[in-house]
Amino acid sequence: QARVEPVYETLEGWKGTTAGARSWNDLPAQAVKYVRHIEE
């Protein structure tokens, strides 16, 4: 566990805000993409 090194994938961030969003339509497109990728 002490020796493992992470293998990363880099995703594009987003400039809009997700704070206080209460529907998918309130989220920036890249934020939605991030969530969907995590699910996968």
Full PDB file with SEQRES, HELIX, SHEET, SSBOND, CRYST1, ORIGX, SCALE, CONECT and MASTER records, all heavy atoms in Angstrom:
SEQRES   1 A   40  GLN ALA ARG VAL GLU PRO VAL TYR GLU THR LEU GLU GLY          
SEQRES   2 A   40  TRP LYS GLY THR THR ALA GLY ALA ARG SER TRP ASN ASP          
SEQRES   3 A   40  LEU PRO ALA GLN ALA VAL LYS TYR VAL ARG HIS ILE GLU          
SEQRES   4 A   40  GLU                                                          
HELIX    1 AA1 TRP A   24  ASP A   26  5                                   3    
HELIX    2 AA2 ALA A   29  GLU A   39  1                                  11    
CRYST1    1.000    1.000    1.000  90.00  90.00  90.00 P 1           1          
ORIGX1      1.000000  0.000000  0.000000        0.00000                         
ORIGX2      0.000000  1.000000  0.000000        0.00000                         
ORIGX3      0.000000  0.000000  1.000000        0.00000                         
SCALE1      1.000000  0.000000  0.000000        0.00000                         
SCALE2      0.000000  1.000000  0.000000        0.00000                         
SCALE3      0.000000  0.000000  1.000000        0.00000                         
ATOM      1  N   GLN A   1       0.829  -1.210   0.000  1.00  0.00           N  
ATOM      2  CA  GLN A   1       0.000   0.000   0.000  1.00  0.00           C  
ATOM      3  C   GLN A   1       0.866   1.263   0.000  1.00  0.00           C  
ATOM      4  O   GLN A   1       0.530   2.254  -0.643  1.00  0.00           O  
ATOM      5  CB  GLN A   1      -0.941   0.006   1.210  1.00  0.00           C  
ATOM      6  CG  GLN A   1      -2.065  -1.009   1.108  1.00  0.00           C  
ATOM      7  CD  GLN A   1      -2.922  -1.043   2.360  1.00  0.00           C  
ATOM      8  OE1 GLN A   1      -2.674  -0.338   3.334  1.00  0.00           O  
ATOM      9  NE2 GLN A   1      -3.952  -1.889   2.349  1.00  0.00           N  
ATOM     10  N   ALA A   2       1.966   1.201   0.708  1.00  0.00           N  
ATOM     11  CA  ALA A   2       2.863   2.359   0.771  1.00  0.00           C  
ATOM     12  C   ALA A   2       3.604   2.568  -0.554  1.00  0.00           C  
ATOM     13  O   ALA A   2       4.016   3.700  -0.857  1.00  0.00           O  
ATOM     14  CB  ALA A   2       3.859   2.183   1.915  1.00  0.00           C  
ATOM     15  N   ARG A   3       3.758   1.503  -1.347  1.00  0.00           N  
ATOM     16  CA  ARG A   3       4.548   1.597  -2.581  1.00  0.00           C  
ATOM     17  C   ARG A   3       3.709   1.920  -3.826  1.00  0.00           C  
ATOM     18  O   ARG A   3       4.269   2.279  -4.865  1.00  0.00           O  
ATOM     19  CB  ARG A   3       5.300   0.286  -2.835  1.00  0.00           C  
ATOM     20  CG  ARG A   3       6.380  -0.043  -1.826  1.00  0.00           C  
ATOM     21  CD  ARG A   3       7.356  -1.101  -2.348  1.00  0.00           C  
ATOM     22  NE  ARG A   3       6.733  -2.306  -2.858  1.00  0.00           N  
ATOM     23  CZ  ARG A   3       6.346  -3.327  -2.108  1.00  0.00           C  
ATOM     24  NH1 ARG A   3       6.494  -3.275  -0.780  1.00  0.00           N  
ATOM     25  NH2 ARG A   3       5.799  -4.410  -2.653  1.00  0.00           N  
ATOM     26  N   VAL A   4       2.394   1.758  -3.778  1.00  0.00           N  
ATOM     27  CA  VAL A   4       1.605   1.953  -4.994  1.00  0.00           C  
ATOM     28  C   VAL A   4       1.679   3.402  -5.473  1.00  0.00           C  
ATOM     29  O   VAL A   4       1.716   4.342  -4.679  1.00  0.00           O  
ATOM     30  CB  VAL A   4       0.120   1.543  -4.810  1.00  0.00           C  
ATOM     31  CG1 VAL A   4      -0.003   0.058  -4.555  1.00  0.00           C  
ATOM     32  CG2 VAL A   4      -0.561   2.348  -3.727  1.00  0.00           C  
ATOM     33  N   GLU A   5       1.706   3.550  -6.787  1.00  0.00           N  
ATOM     34  CA  GLU A   5       1.709   4.864  -7.415  1.00  0.00           C  
ATOM     35  C   GLU A   5       0.457   4.997  -8.273  1.00  0.00           C  
ATOM     36  O   GLU A   5       0.117   4.076  -9.025  1.00  0.00           O  
ATOM     37  CB  GLU A   5       2.959   5.036  -8.290  1.00  0.00           C  
ATOM     38  CG  GLU A   5       4.272   4.933  -7.509  1.00  0.00           C  
ATOM     39  CD  GLU A   5       5.477   4.912  -8.428  1.00  0.00           C  
ATOM     40  OE1 GLU A   5       5.296   4.999  -9.665  1.00  0.00           O  
ATOM     41  OE2 GLU A   5       6.611   4.810  -7.912  1.00  0.00           O  
ATOM     42  N   PRO A   6      -0.248   6.121  -8.190  1.00  0.00           N  
ATOM     43  CA  PRO A   6      -1.489   6.256  -8.940  1.00  0.00           C  
ATOM     44  C   PRO A   6      -1.255   6.415 -10.443  1.00  0.00           C  
ATOM     45  O   PRO A   6      -0.288   7.046 -10.864  1.00  0.00           O  
ATOM     46  CB  PRO A   6      -2.107   7.530  -8.350  1.00  0.00           C  
ATOM     47  CG  PRO A   6      -0.935   8.313  -7.826  1.00  0.00           C  
ATOM     48  CD  PRO A   6       0.070   7.306  -7.355  1.00  0.00           C  
ATOM     49  N   VAL A   7      -2.148   5.832 -11.215  1.00  0.00           N  
ATOM     50  CA  VAL A   7      -2.190   6.042 -12.664  1.00  0.00           C  
ATOM     51  C   VAL A   7      -3.359   6.980 -12.934  1.00  0.00           C  
ATOM     52  O   VAL A   7      -4.508   6.649 -12.623  1.00  0.00           O  
ATOM     53  CB  VAL A   7      -2.380   4.713 -13.419  1.00  0.00           C  
ATOM     54  CG1 VAL A   7      -2.503   4.974 -14.916  1.00  0.00           C  
ATOM     55  CG2 VAL A   7      -1.232   3.752 -13.121  1.00  0.00           C  
ATOM     56  N   TYR A   8      -3.080   8.153 -13.467  1.00  0.00           N  
ATOM     57  CA  TYR A   8      -4.092   9.192 -13.608  1.00  0.00           C  
ATOM     58  C   TYR A   8      -4.624   9.309 -15.032  1.00  0.00           C  
ATOM     59  O   TYR A   8      -3.937   9.051 -16.008  1.00  0.00           O  
ATOM     60  CB  TYR A   8      -3.534  10.559 -13.215  1.00  0.00           C  
ATOM     61  CG  TYR A   8      -3.334  10.756 -11.730  1.00  0.00           C  
ATOM     62  CD1 TYR A   8      -2.061  10.971 -11.198  1.00  0.00           C  
ATOM     63  CD2 TYR A   8      -4.411  10.741 -10.852  1.00  0.00           C  
ATOM     64  CE1 TYR A   8      -1.872  11.170  -9.839  1.00  0.00           C  
ATOM     65  CE2 TYR A   8      -4.237  10.938  -9.494  1.00  0.00           C  
ATOM     66  CZ  TYR A   8      -2.973  11.146  -8.996  1.00  0.00           C  
ATOM     67  OH  TYR A   8      -2.790  11.342  -7.648  1.00  0.00           O  
ATOM     68  N   GLU A   9      -5.869   9.742 -15.099  1.00  0.00           N  
ATOM     69  CA  GLU A   9      -6.499  10.212 -16.320  1.00  0.00           C  
ATOM     70  C   GLU A   9      -6.845  11.685 -16.091  1.00  0.00           C  
ATOM     71  O   GLU A   9      -7.345  12.033 -15.011  1.00  0.00           O  
ATOM     72  CB  GLU A   9      -7.762   9.396 -16.578  1.00  0.00           C  
ATOM     73  CG  GLU A   9      -8.493   9.721 -17.839  1.00  0.00           C  
ATOM     74  CD  GLU A   9      -9.724   8.852 -18.029  1.00  0.00           C  
ATOM     75  OE1 GLU A   9      -9.963   7.939 -17.214  1.00  0.00           O  
ATOM     76  OE2 GLU A   9     -10.467   9.103 -18.993  1.00  0.00           O  
ATOM     77  N   THR A  10      -6.564  12.530 -17.055  1.00  0.00           N  
ATOM     78  CA  THR A  10      -6.811  13.965 -16.898  1.00  0.00           C  
ATOM     79  C   THR A  10      -8.068  14.369 -17.657  1.00  0.00           C  
ATOM     80  O   THR A  10      -8.218  14.060 -18.841  1.00  0.00           O  
ATOM     81  CB  THR A  10      -5.618  14.788 -17.395  1.00  0.00           C  
ATOM     82  OG1 THR A  10      -4.443  14.403 -16.648  1.00  0.00           O  
ATOM     83  CG2 THR A  10      -5.856  16.273 -17.174  1.00  0.00           C  
ATOM     84  N   LEU A  11      -8.984  15.048 -16.946  1.00  0.00           N  
ATOM     85  CA  LEU A  11     -10.237  15.502 -17.530  1.00  0.00           C  
ATOM     86  C   LEU A  11     -10.269  17.021 -17.545  1.00  0.00           C  
ATOM     87  O   LEU A  11      -9.639  17.686 -16.708  1.00  0.00           O  
ATOM     88  CB  LEU A  11     -11.428  14.985 -16.722  1.00  0.00           C  
ATOM     89  CG  LEU A  11     -11.526  13.467 -16.513  1.00  0.00           C  
ATOM     90  CD1 LEU A  11     -12.693  13.135 -15.605  1.00  0.00           C  
ATOM     91  CD2 LEU A  11     -11.680  12.758 -17.838  1.00  0.00           C  
ATOM     92  N   GLU A  12     -11.024  17.573 -18.481  1.00  0.00           N  
ATOM     93  CA  GLU A  12     -11.196  19.020 -18.563  1.00  0.00           C  
ATOM     94  C   GLU A  12     -12.074  19.502 -17.419  1.00  0.00           C  
ATOM     95  O   GLU A  12     -13.088  18.861 -17.086  1.00  0.00           O  
ATOM     96  CB  GLU A  12     -11.831  19.382 -19.908  1.00  0.00           C  
ATOM     97  CG  GLU A  12     -11.984  20.878 -20.147  1.00  0.00           C  
ATOM     98  CD  GLU A  12     -12.680  21.179 -21.460  1.00  0.00           C  
ATOM     99  OE1 GLU A  12     -12.774  20.275 -22.324  1.00  0.00           O  
ATOM    100  OE2 GLU A  12     -13.161  22.331 -21.618  1.00  0.00           O  
ATOM    101  N   GLY A  13     -11.690  20.612 -16.811  1.00  0.00           N  
ATOM    102  CA  GLY A  13     -12.500  21.192 -15.746  1.00  0.00           C  
ATOM    103  C   GLY A  13     -13.625  22.038 -16.297  1.00  0.00           C  
ATOM    104  O   GLY A  13     -13.928  22.012 -17.491  1.00  0.00           O  
ATOM    105  N   TRP A  14     -14.279  22.803 -15.394  1.00  0.00           N  
ATOM    106  CA  TRP A  14     -15.366  23.667 -15.836  1.00  0.00           C  
ATOM    107  C   TRP A  14     -15.276  25.006 -15.116  1.00  0.00           C  
ATOM    108  O   TRP A  14     -14.760  25.094 -13.991  1.00  0.00           O  
ATOM    109  CB  TRP A  14     -16.731  23.016 -15.590  1.00  0.00           C  
ATOM    110  CG  TRP A  14     -16.951  22.585 -14.155  1.00  0.00           C  
ATOM    111  CD1 TRP A  14     -17.468  23.316 -13.129  1.00  0.00           C  
ATOM    112  CD2 TRP A  14     -16.665  21.284 -13.599  1.00  0.00           C  
ATOM    113  NE1 TRP A  14     -17.509  22.573 -11.973  1.00  0.00           N  
ATOM    114  CE2 TRP A  14     -17.033  21.325 -12.231  1.00  0.00           C  
ATOM    115  CE3 TRP A  14     -16.142  20.104 -14.135  1.00  0.00           C  
ATOM    116  CZ2 TRP A  14     -16.880  20.230 -11.384  1.00  0.00           C  
ATOM    117  CZ3 TRP A  14     -15.998  19.019 -13.293  1.00  0.00           C  
ATOM    118  CH2 TRP A  14     -16.361  19.078 -11.941  1.00  0.00           C  
ATOM    119  N   LYS A  15     -15.722  26.044 -15.798  1.00  0.00           N  
ATOM    120  CA  LYS A  15     -15.638  27.395 -15.247  1.00  0.00           C  
ATOM    121  C   LYS A  15     -16.931  27.848 -14.577  1.00  0.00           C  
ATOM    122  O   LYS A  15     -16.927  28.747 -13.751  1.00  0.00           O  
ATOM    123  CB  LYS A  15     -15.264  28.393 -16.355  1.00  0.00           C  
ATOM    124  CG  LYS A  15     -13.850  28.181 -16.905  1.00  0.00           C  
ATOM    125  CD  LYS A  15     -12.806  28.261 -15.808  1.00  0.00           C  
ATOM    126  CE  LYS A  15     -11.401  28.033 -16.332  1.00  0.00           C  
ATOM    127  NZ  LYS A  15     -10.401  27.943 -15.201  1.00  0.00           N  
ATOM    128  N   GLY A  16     -18.045  27.235 -14.965  1.00  0.00           N  
ATOM    129  CA  GLY A  16     -19.309  27.592 -14.333  1.00  0.00           C  
ATOM    130  C   GLY A  16     -19.379  27.049 -12.917  1.00  0.00           C  
ATOM    131  O   GLY A  16     -18.463  26.387 -12.417  1.00  0.00           O  
ATOM    132  N   THR A  17     -20.480  27.301 -12.240  1.00  0.00           N  
ATOM    133  CA  THR A  17     -20.631  26.847 -10.861  1.00  0.00           C  
ATOM    134  C   THR A  17     -21.640  25.717 -10.762  1.00  0.00           C  
ATOM    135  O   THR A  17     -22.649  25.696 -11.472  1.00  0.00           O  
ATOM    136  CB  THR A  17     -21.055  28.008  -9.940  1.00  0.00           C  
ATOM    137  OG1 THR A  17     -21.163  27.503  -8.589  1.00  0.00           O  
ATOM    138  CG2 THR A  17     -22.410  28.572 -10.349  1.00  0.00           C  
ATOM    139  N   THR A  18     -21.343  24.764  -9.888  1.00  0.00           N  
ATOM    140  CA  THR A  18     -22.286  23.693  -9.570  1.00  0.00           C  
ATOM    141  C   THR A  18     -22.951  23.929  -8.225  1.00  0.00           C  
ATOM    142  O   THR A  18     -23.880  23.210  -7.861  1.00  0.00           O  
ATOM    143  CB  THR A  18     -21.580  22.322  -9.542  1.00  0.00           C  
ATOM    144  OG1 THR A  18     -20.623  22.323  -8.472  1.00  0.00           O  
ATOM    145  CG2 THR A  18     -20.861  22.035 -10.856  1.00  0.00           C  
ATOM    146  N   ALA A  19     -22.473  24.908  -7.478  1.00  0.00           N  
ATOM    147  CA  ALA A  19     -22.965  25.149  -6.117  1.00  0.00           C  
ATOM    148  C   ALA A  19     -24.455  25.477  -6.116  1.00  0.00           C  
ATOM    149  O   ALA A  19     -24.911  26.372  -6.827  1.00  0.00           O  
ATOM    150  CB  ALA A  19     -22.180  26.276  -5.458  1.00  0.00           C  
ATOM    151  N   GLY A  20     -25.212  24.726  -5.337  1.00  0.00           N  
ATOM    152  CA  GLY A  20     -26.640  24.984  -5.203  1.00  0.00           C  
ATOM    153  C   GLY A  20     -27.500  24.421  -6.323  1.00  0.00           C  
ATOM    154  O   GLY A  20     -28.719  24.627  -6.330  1.00  0.00           O  
ATOM    155  N   ALA A  21     -26.897  23.697  -7.258  1.00  0.00           N  
ATOM    156  CA  ALA A  21     -27.677  23.131  -8.367  1.00  0.00           C  
ATOM    157  C   ALA A  21     -28.677  22.105  -7.847  1.00  0.00           C  
ATOM    158  O   ALA A  21     -28.359  21.298  -6.974  1.00  0.00           O  
ATOM    159  CB  ALA A  21     -26.750  22.487  -9.387  1.00  0.00           C  
ATOM    160  N   ARG A  22     -29.893  22.121  -8.415  1.00  0.00           N  
ATOM    161  CA  ARG A  22     -30.931  21.187  -7.980  1.00  0.00           C  
ATOM    162  C   ARG A  22     -31.490  20.365  -9.133  1.00  0.00           C  
ATOM    163  O   ARG A  22     -32.457  19.624  -8.964  1.00  0.00           O  
ATOM    164  CB  ARG A  22     -32.043  21.940  -7.251  1.00  0.00           C  
ATOM    165  CG  ARG A  22     -31.545  22.631  -5.988  1.00  0.00           C  
ATOM    166  CD  ARG A  22     -32.650  23.261  -5.176  1.00  0.00           C  
ATOM    167  NE  ARG A  22     -32.110  23.945  -4.002  1.00  0.00           N  
ATOM    168  CZ  ARG A  22     -32.849  24.539  -3.084  1.00  0.00           C  
ATOM    169  NH1 ARG A  22     -34.182  24.521  -3.193  1.00  0.00           N  
ATOM    170  NH2 ARG A  22     -32.288  25.147  -2.046  1.00  0.00           N  
ATOM    171  N   SER A  23     -30.874  20.511 -10.321  1.00  0.00           N  
ATOM    172  CA  SER A  23     -31.233  19.675 -11.463  1.00  0.00           C  
ATOM    173  C   SER A  23     -30.014  19.543 -12.364  1.00  0.00           C  
ATOM    174  O   SER A  23     -29.090  20.359 -12.304  1.00  0.00           O  
ATOM    175  CB  SER A  23     -32.407  20.271 -12.245  1.00  0.00           C  
ATOM    176  OG  SER A  23     -31.979  21.365 -13.033  1.00  0.00           O  
ATOM    177  N   TRP A  24     -30.009  18.521 -13.213  1.00  0.00           N  
ATOM    178  CA  TRP A  24     -28.892  18.322 -14.130  1.00  0.00           C  
ATOM    179  C   TRP A  24     -28.712  19.522 -15.043  1.00  0.00           C  
ATOM    180  O   TRP A  24     -27.588  19.850 -15.442  1.00  0.00           O  
ATOM    181  CB  TRP A  24     -29.117  17.057 -14.958  1.00  0.00           C  
ATOM    182  CG  TRP A  24     -28.988  15.785 -14.183  1.00  0.00           C  
ATOM    183  CD1 TRP A  24     -30.004  14.979 -13.769  1.00  0.00           C  
ATOM    184  CD2 TRP A  24     -27.779  15.190 -13.680  1.00  0.00           C  
ATOM    185  NE1 TRP A  24     -29.508  13.926 -13.047  1.00  0.00           N  
ATOM    186  CE2 TRP A  24     -28.145  14.012 -12.988  1.00  0.00           C  
ATOM    187  CE3 TRP A  24     -26.431  15.533 -13.759  1.00  0.00           C  
ATOM    188  CZ2 TRP A  24     -27.214  13.185 -12.374  1.00  0.00           C  
ATOM    189  CZ3 TRP A  24     -25.497  14.695 -13.144  1.00  0.00           C  
ATOM    190  CH2 TRP A  24     -25.885  13.550 -12.459  1.00  0.00           C  
ATOM    191  N   ASN A  25     -29.832  20.177 -15.394  1.00  0.00           N  
ATOM    192  CA  ASN A  25     -29.770  21.334 -16.300  1.00  0.00           C  
ATOM    193  C   ASN A  25     -29.026  22.513 -15.696  1.00  0.00           C  
ATOM    194  O   ASN A  25     -28.590  23.409 -16.411  1.00  0.00           O  
ATOM    195  CB  ASN A  25     -31.183  21.767 -16.710  1.00  0.00           C  
ATOM    196  CG  ASN A  25     -31.874  20.721 -17.561  1.00  0.00           C  
ATOM    197  OD1 ASN A  25     -31.219  19.963 -18.277  1.00  0.00           O  
ATOM    198  ND2 ASN A  25     -33.218  20.673 -17.502  1.00  0.00           N  
ATOM    199  N   ASP A  26     -28.904  22.523 -14.356  1.00  0.00           N  
ATOM    200  CA  ASP A  26     -28.195  23.615 -13.677  1.00  0.00           C  
ATOM    201  C   ASP A  26     -26.682  23.426 -13.694  1.00  0.00           C  
ATOM    202  O   ASP A  26     -25.941  24.328 -13.286  1.00  0.00           O  
ATOM    203  CB  ASP A  26     -28.654  23.721 -12.217  1.00  0.00           C  
ATOM    204  CG  ASP A  26     -30.123  24.080 -12.071  1.00  0.00           C  
ATOM    205  OD1 ASP A  26     -30.672  24.697 -13.001  1.00  0.00           O  
ATOM    206  OD2 ASP A  26     -30.726  23.745 -11.025  1.00  0.00           O  
ATOM    207  N   LEU A  27     -26.211  22.265 -14.143  1.00  0.00           N  
ATOM    208  CA  LEU A  27     -24.788  21.941 -14.076  1.00  0.00           C  
ATOM    209  C   LEU A  27     -24.081  22.270 -15.389  1.00  0.00           C  
ATOM    210  O   LEU A  27     -24.649  22.066 -16.474  1.00  0.00           O  
ATOM    211  CB  LEU A  27     -24.599  20.443 -13.790  1.00  0.00           C  
ATOM    212  CG  LEU A  27     -25.139  19.910 -12.465  1.00  0.00           C  
ATOM    213  CD1 LEU A  27     -24.975  18.390 -12.412  1.00  0.00           C  
ATOM    214  CD2 LEU A  27     -24.433  20.553 -11.279  1.00  0.00           C  
ATOM    215  N   PRO A  28     -22.842  22.750 -15.316  1.00  0.00           N  
ATOM    216  CA  PRO A  28     -22.039  22.905 -16.536  1.00  0.00           C  
ATOM    217  C   PRO A  28     -21.857  21.548 -17.228  1.00  0.00           C  
ATOM    218  O   PRO A  28     -21.801  20.502 -16.564  1.00  0.00           O  
ATOM    219  CB  PRO A  28     -20.695  23.439 -16.024  1.00  0.00           C  
ATOM    220  CG  PRO A  28     -20.993  24.013 -14.667  1.00  0.00           C  
ATOM    221  CD  PRO A  28     -22.110  23.208 -14.112  1.00  0.00           C  
ATOM    222  N   ALA A  29     -21.749  21.571 -18.540  1.00  0.00           N  
ATOM    223  CA  ALA A  29     -21.662  20.332 -19.310  1.00  0.00           C  
ATOM    224  C   ALA A  29     -20.479  19.469 -18.890  1.00  0.00           C  
ATOM    225  O   ALA A  29     -20.582  18.241 -18.790  1.00  0.00           O  
ATOM    226  CB  ALA A  29     -21.569  20.657 -20.808  1.00  0.00           C  
ATOM    227  N   GLN A  30     -19.340  20.096 -18.587  1.00  0.00           N  
ATOM    228  CA  GLN A  30     -18.161  19.328 -18.196  1.00  0.00           C  
ATOM    229  C   GLN A  30     -18.322  18.692 -16.824  1.00  0.00           C  
ATOM    230  O   GLN A  30     -17.760  17.627 -16.550  1.00  0.00           O  
ATOM    231  CB  GLN A  30     -16.909  20.210 -18.221  1.00  0.00           C  
ATOM    232  CG  GLN A  30     -16.358  20.499 -19.601  1.00  0.00           C  
ATOM    233  CD  GLN A  30     -16.023  19.262 -20.393  1.00  0.00           C  
ATOM    234  OE1 GLN A  30     -16.455  19.116 -21.535  1.00  0.00           O  
ATOM    235  NE2 GLN A  30     -15.258  18.351 -19.815  1.00  0.00           N  
ATOM    236  N   ALA A  31     -19.103  19.339 -15.973  1.00  0.00           N  
ATOM    237  CA  ALA A  31     -19.374  18.762 -14.658  1.00  0.00           C  
ATOM    238  C   ALA A  31     -20.221  17.497 -14.800  1.00  0.00           C  
ATOM    239  O   ALA A  31     -19.980  16.488 -14.127  1.00  0.00           O  
ATOM    240  CB  ALA A  31     -20.072  19.778 -13.758  1.00  0.00           C  
ATOM    241  N   VAL A  32     -21.216  17.550 -15.677  1.00  0.00           N  
ATOM    242  CA  VAL A  32     -22.037  16.373 -15.955  1.00  0.00           C  
ATOM    243  C   VAL A  32     -21.161  15.255 -16.519  1.00  0.00           C  
ATOM    244  O   VAL A  32     -21.287  14.082 -16.138  1.00  0.00           O  
ATOM    245  CB  VAL A  32     -23.189  16.708 -16.929  1.00  0.00           C  
ATOM    246  CG1 VAL A  32     -23.955  15.435 -17.309  1.00  0.00           C  
ATOM    247  CG2 VAL A  32     -24.127  17.739 -16.322  1.00  0.00           C  
ATOM    248  N   LYS A  33     -20.267  15.626 -17.431  1.00  0.00           N  
ATOM    249  CA  LYS A  33     -19.361  14.651 -18.031  1.00  0.00           C  
ATOM    250  C   LYS A  33     -18.485  13.994 -16.958  1.00  0.00           C  
ATOM    251  O   LYS A  33     -18.233  12.780 -16.997  1.00  0.00           O  
ATOM    252  CB  LYS A  33     -18.494  15.339 -19.081  1.00  0.00           C  
ATOM    253  CG  LYS A  33     -17.628  14.390 -19.897  1.00  0.00           C  
ATOM    254  CD  LYS A  33     -16.864  15.143 -20.981  1.00  0.00           C  
ATOM    255  CE  LYS A  33     -15.945  14.195 -21.756  1.00  0.00           C  
ATOM    256  NZ  LYS A  33     -15.195  14.935 -22.823  1.00  0.00           N  
ATOM    257  N   TYR A  34     -18.003  14.783 -15.994  1.00  0.00           N  
ATOM    258  CA  TYR A  34     -17.185  14.269 -14.896  1.00  0.00           C  
ATOM    259  C   TYR A  34     -17.962  13.242 -14.078  1.00  0.00           C  
ATOM    260  O   TYR A  34     -17.455  12.157 -13.777  1.00  0.00           O  
ATOM    261  CB  TYR A  34     -16.725  15.430 -14.016  1.00  0.00           C  
ATOM    262  CG  TYR A  34     -15.855  15.027 -12.836  1.00  0.00           C  
ATOM    263  CD1 TYR A  34     -14.538  14.640 -13.021  1.00  0.00           C  
ATOM    264  CD2 TYR A  34     -16.344  15.060 -11.530  1.00  0.00           C  
ATOM    265  CE1 TYR A  34     -13.735  14.276 -11.937  1.00  0.00           C  
ATOM    266  CE2 TYR A  34     -15.551  14.714 -10.444  1.00  0.00           C  
ATOM    267  CZ  TYR A  34     -14.249  14.316 -10.658  1.00  0.00           C  
ATOM    268  OH  TYR A  34     -13.459  13.963  -9.588  1.00  0.00           O  
ATOM    269  N   VAL A  35     -19.200  13.582 -13.730  1.00  0.00           N  
ATOM    270  CA  VAL A  35     -20.029  12.680 -12.933  1.00  0.00           C  
ATOM    271  C   VAL A  35     -20.282  11.372 -13.688  1.00  0.00           C  
ATOM    272  O   VAL A  35     -20.163  10.282 -13.128  1.00  0.00           O  
ATOM    273  CB  VAL A  35     -21.362  13.362 -12.548  1.00  0.00           C  
ATOM    274  CG1 VAL A  35     -22.290  12.355 -11.858  1.00  0.00           C  
ATOM    275  CG2 VAL A  35     -21.114  14.568 -11.651  1.00  0.00           C  
ATOM    276  N   ARG A  36     -20.634  11.487 -14.967  1.00  0.00           N  
ATOM    277  CA  ARG A  36     -20.907  10.286 -15.757  1.00  0.00           C  
ATOM    278  C   ARG A  36     -19.664   9.407 -15.901  1.00  0.00           C  
ATOM    279  O   ARG A  36     -19.752   8.170 -15.902  1.00  0.00           O  
ATOM    280  CB  ARG A  36     -21.425  10.676 -17.155  1.00  0.00           C  
ATOM    281  CG  ARG A  36     -22.779  11.384 -17.142  1.00  0.00           C  
ATOM    282  CD  ARG A  36     -23.840  10.587 -16.441  1.00  0.00           C  
ATOM    283  NE  ARG A  36     -25.162  11.145 -16.536  1.00  0.00           N  
ATOM    284  CZ  ARG A  36     -26.152  10.890 -15.690  1.00  0.00           C  
ATOM    285  NH1 ARG A  36     -25.963  10.056 -14.676  1.00  0.00           N  
ATOM    286  NH2 ARG A  36     -27.324  11.448 -15.849  1.00  0.00           N  
ATOM    287  N   HIS A  37     -18.514  10.045 -16.019  1.00  0.00           N  
ATOM    288  CA  HIS A  37     -17.274   9.273 -16.142  1.00  0.00           C  
ATOM    289  C   HIS A  37     -16.946   8.537 -14.853  1.00  0.00           C  
ATOM    290  O   HIS A  37     -16.480   7.393 -14.881  1.00  0.00           O  
ATOM    291  CB  HIS A  37     -16.125  10.192 -16.541  1.00  0.00           C  
ATOM    292  CG  HIS A  37     -14.911   9.452 -17.000  1.00  0.00           C  
ATOM    293  ND1 HIS A  37     -14.942   8.491 -17.997  1.00  0.00           N  
ATOM    294  CD2 HIS A  37     -13.610   9.497 -16.594  1.00  0.00           C  
ATOM    295  CE1 HIS A  37     -13.730   7.991 -18.171  1.00  0.00           C  
ATOM    296  NE2 HIS A  37     -12.912   8.582 -17.336  1.00  0.00           N  
ATOM    297  N   ILE A  38     -17.202   9.165 -13.719  1.00  0.00           N  
ATOM    298  CA  ILE A  38     -17.006   8.507 -12.428  1.00  0.00           C  
ATOM    299  C   ILE A  38     -17.902   7.274 -12.331  1.00  0.00           C  
ATOM    300  O   ILE A  38     -17.470   6.210 -11.883  1.00  0.00           O  
ATOM    301  CB  ILE A  38     -17.262   9.492 -11.273  1.00  0.00           C  
ATOM    302  CG1 ILE A  38     -16.036  10.397 -11.087  1.00  0.00           C  
ATOM    303  CG2 ILE A  38     -17.561   8.743  -9.974  1.00  0.00           C  
ATOM    304  CD1 ILE A  38     -16.200  11.456 -10.022  1.00  0.00           C  
ATOM    305  N   GLU A  39     -19.158   7.408 -12.755  1.00  0.00           N  
ATOM    306  CA  GLU A  39     -20.062   6.255 -12.752  1.00  0.00           C  
ATOM    307  C   GLU A  39     -19.471   5.085 -13.535  1.00  0.00           C  
ATOM    308  O   GLU A  39     -19.523   3.933 -13.108  1.00  0.00           O  
ATOM    309  CB  GLU A  39     -21.416   6.632 -13.362  1.00  0.00           C  
ATOM    310  CG  GLU A  39     -22.276   7.526 -12.489  1.00  0.00           C  
ATOM    311  CD  GLU A  39     -23.610   7.833 -13.150  1.00  0.00           C  
ATOM    312  OE1 GLU A  39     -23.634   8.165 -14.360  1.00  0.00           O  
ATOM    313  OE2 GLU A  39     -24.645   7.755 -12.468  1.00  0.00           O  
ATOM    314  N   GLU A  40     -18.920   5.379 -14.703  1.00  0.00           N  
ATOM    315  CA  GLU A  40     -18.322   4.339 -15.544  1.00  0.00           C  
ATOM    316  C   GLU A  40     -17.127   3.683 -14.853  1.00  0.00           C  
ATOM    317  O   GLU A  40     -16.968   2.456 -14.874  1.00  0.00           O  
ATOM    318  CB  GLU A  40     -17.870   4.939 -16.883  1.00  0.00           C  
ATOM    319  CG  GLU A  40     -18.999   5.403 -17.792  1.00  0.00           C  
ATOM    320  CD  GLU A  40     -18.470   6.145 -19.002  1.00  0.00           C  
ATOM    321  OE1 GLU A  40     -17.239   6.139 -19.223  1.00  0.00           O  
ATOM    322  OE2 GLU A  40     -19.286   6.752 -19.731  1.00  0.00           O  
TER     323      GLU A  40                                                      
MASTER        0    0    0    2    0    0    0    6  322    1    0    4          
END                                                                             
